[in-house]
Amino acid sequence: MANTKSAEKAARQAAAHRIRNVAMRSRMRSAIRKVIDAVAAGKKDDARASYLAAVPLIDTLVNKKIIHRNQADRHKSRLSARVKSLG
């Protein structure tokens, strides 16, 4: 329980930020899953389009400090390798 007015406000803000961060992280995971599903189905064009849509979303999370730069780079690298493996 917060002891001061500023601590109460910080707790409210943290709760709001958490909701937003969870939603954005979920959007990122969905975008990643979309690429992986397209690759698994062998749909080269869909995989490439999904990858190109996922990259800016992943970068946005880095800029908002929701995920670490290295984690984003790892996701992008692995997704790129999967898309390229389709030939």
C-alpha atoms as a PDB file:
ATOM      1  CA  MET A   1       0.000   0.000   0.000  1.00  0.00           C
ATOM      2  CA  ALA A   2       1.316   3.422  -0.965  1.00  0.00           C
ATOM      3  CA  ASN A   3       2.094   5.822   1.877  1.00  0.00           C
ATOM      4  CA  THR A   4       2.144   9.138   0.001  1.00  0.00           C
ATOM      5  CA  LYS A   5       0.079  10.796  -2.693  1.00  0.00           C
ATOM      6  CA  SER A   6       2.971  10.579  -5.148  1.00  0.00           C
ATOM      7  CA  ALA A   7       3.422   6.876  -4.390  1.00  0.00           C
ATOM      8  CA  GLU A   8      -0.302   6.306  -4.989  1.00  0.00           C
ATOM      9  CA  LYS A   9      -0.056   8.061  -8.339  1.00  0.00           C
ATOM     10  CA  ALA A  10       3.063   6.064  -9.251  1.00  0.00           C
ATOM     11  CA  ALA A  11       1.199   2.846  -8.427  1.00  0.00           C
ATOM     12  CA  ARG A  12      -1.725   3.892 -10.667  1.00  0.00           C
ATOM     13  CA  GLN A  13       0.661   4.756 -13.490  1.00  0.00           C
ATOM     14  CA  ALA A  14       2.547   1.485 -13.093  1.00  0.00           C
ATOM     15  CA  ALA A  15      -0.712  -0.455 -13.370  1.00  0.00           C
ATOM     16  CA  ALA A  16      -1.703   1.432 -16.528  1.00  0.00           C
ATOM     17  CA  HIS A  17       1.766   0.981 -18.046  1.00  0.00           C
ATOM     18  CA  ARG A  18       1.703  -2.727 -17.260  1.00  0.00           C
ATOM     19  CA  ILE A  19      -1.618  -3.191 -19.068  1.00  0.00           C
ATOM     20  CA  ARG A  20      -0.269  -1.340 -22.111  1.00  0.00           C
ATOM     21  CA  ASN A  21       3.043  -3.225 -22.055  1.00  0.00           C
ATOM     22  CA  VAL A  22       1.340  -6.618 -21.805  1.00  0.00           C
ATOM     23  CA  ALA A  23      -0.884  -5.752 -24.769  1.00  0.00           C
ATOM     24  CA  MET A  24       2.057  -4.578 -26.883  1.00  0.00           C
ATOM     25  CA  ARG A  25       4.127  -7.633 -25.997  1.00  0.00           C
ATOM     26  CA  SER A  26       1.171  -9.802 -26.992  1.00  0.00           C
ATOM     27  CA  ARG A  27       0.931  -8.014 -30.359  1.00  0.00           C
ATOM     28  CA  MET A  28       4.633  -8.699 -30.911  1.00  0.00           C
ATOM     29  CA  ARG A  29       4.258 -12.384 -30.084  1.00  0.00           C
ATOM     30  CA  SER A  30       1.265 -12.653 -32.411  1.00  0.00           C
ATOM     31  CA  ALA A  31       3.256 -11.054 -35.234  1.00  0.00           C
ATOM     32  CA  ILE A  32       6.135 -13.476 -34.636  1.00  0.00           C
ATOM     33  CA  ARG A  33       3.717 -16.422 -34.582  1.00  0.00           C
ATOM     34  CA  LYS A  34       2.202 -15.243 -37.860  1.00  0.00           C
ATOM     35  CA  VAL A  35       5.626 -15.384 -39.543  1.00  0.00           C
ATOM     36  CA  ILE A  36       6.391 -18.817 -38.090  1.00  0.00           C
ATOM     37  CA  ASP A  37       2.997 -20.185 -39.196  1.00  0.00           C
ATOM     38  CA  ALA A  38       3.477 -18.850 -42.733  1.00  0.00           C
ATOM     39  CA  VAL A  39       6.930 -20.448 -42.922  1.00  0.00           C
ATOM     40  CA  ALA A  40       5.563 -23.754 -41.610  1.00  0.00           C
ATOM     41  CA  ALA A  41       2.864 -23.670 -44.288  1.00  0.00           C
ATOM     42  CA  GLY A  42       5.503 -22.925 -46.932  1.00  0.00           C
ATOM     43  CA  LYS A  43       3.862 -19.655 -47.982  1.00  0.00           C
ATOM     44  CA  LYS A  44       6.871 -17.596 -49.017  1.00  0.00           C
ATOM     45  CA  ASP A  45       5.004 -14.383 -49.883  1.00  0.00           C
ATOM     46  CA  ASP A  46       2.901 -14.441 -46.722  1.00  0.00           C
ATOM     47  CA  ALA A  47       5.986 -15.143 -44.604  1.00  0.00           C
ATOM     48  CA  ARG A  48       7.875 -12.227 -46.132  1.00  0.00           C
ATOM     49  CA  ALA A  49       4.916  -9.859 -45.728  1.00  0.00           C
ATOM     50  CA  SER A  50       4.420 -10.966 -42.115  1.00  0.00           C
ATOM     51  CA  TYR A  51       8.127 -10.525 -41.415  1.00  0.00           C
ATOM     52  CA  LEU A  52       8.118  -7.002 -42.860  1.00  0.00           C
ATOM     53  CA  ALA A  53       5.115  -6.181 -40.659  1.00  0.00           C
ATOM     54  CA  ALA A  54       6.688  -7.714 -37.527  1.00  0.00           C
ATOM     55  CA  VAL A  55      10.046  -5.914 -37.685  1.00  0.00           C
ATOM     56  CA  PRO A  56       8.761  -2.360 -37.070  1.00  0.00           C
ATOM     57  CA  LEU A  57       6.519  -3.673 -34.298  1.00  0.00           C
ATOM     58  CA  ILE A  58       9.499  -5.315 -32.590  1.00  0.00           C
ATOM     59  CA  ASP A  59      11.572  -2.138 -32.985  1.00  0.00           C
ATOM     60  CA  THR A  60       8.770  -0.067 -31.451  1.00  0.00           C
ATOM     61  CA  LEU A  61       8.906  -2.189 -28.306  1.00  0.00           C
ATOM     62  CA  VAL A  62      12.641  -1.563 -28.057  1.00  0.00           C
ATOM     63  CA  ASN A  63      12.158   2.192 -28.380  1.00  0.00           C
ATOM     64  CA  LYS A  64       9.546   2.089 -25.611  1.00  0.00           C
ATOM     65  CA  LYS A  65      11.942   0.002 -23.475  1.00  0.00           C
ATOM     66  CA  ILE A  66       9.472  -2.874 -23.208  1.00  0.00           C
ATOM     67  CA  ILE A  67      12.006  -5.409 -24.501  1.00  0.00           C
ATOM     68  CA  HIS A  68      15.802  -5.308 -24.664  1.00  0.00           C
ATOM     69  CA  ARG A  69      17.595  -4.445 -27.908  1.00  0.00           C
ATOM     70  CA  ASN A  70      19.394  -7.809 -27.941  1.00  0.00           C
ATOM     71  CA  GLN A  71      16.125  -9.705 -27.581  1.00  0.00           C
ATOM     72  CA  ALA A  72      14.654  -7.768 -30.510  1.00  0.00           C
ATOM     73  CA  ASP A  73      17.733  -8.423 -32.634  1.00  0.00           C
ATOM     74  CA  ARG A  74      17.552 -12.116 -31.779  1.00  0.00           C
ATOM     75  CA  HIS A  75      13.876 -12.312 -32.785  1.00  0.00           C
ATOM     76  CA  LYS A  76      14.491 -10.468 -36.055  1.00  0.00           C
ATOM     77  CA  SER A  77      17.535 -12.579 -36.906  1.00  0.00           C
ATOM     78  CA  ARG A  78      15.787 -15.884 -36.279  1.00  0.00           C
ATOM     79  CA  LEU A  79      12.670 -14.835 -38.180  1.00  0.00           C
ATOM     80  CA  SER A  80      14.782 -13.620 -41.093  1.00  0.00           C
ATOM     81  CA  ALA A  81      16.634 -16.947 -41.192  1.00  0.00           C
ATOM     82  CA  ARG A  82      13.331 -18.841 -41.271  1.00  0.00           C
ATOM     83  CA  VAL A  83      11.952 -16.693 -44.104  1.00  0.00           C
ATOM     84  CA  LYS A  84      15.184 -17.043 -46.088  1.00  0.00           C
ATOM     85  CA  SER A  85      15.130 -20.820 -45.624  1.00  0.00           C
ATOM     86  CA  LEU A  86      12.031 -20.983 -47.832  1.00  0.00           C
ATOM     87  CA  GLY A  87      14.282 -20.171 -50.767  1.00  0.00           C
END
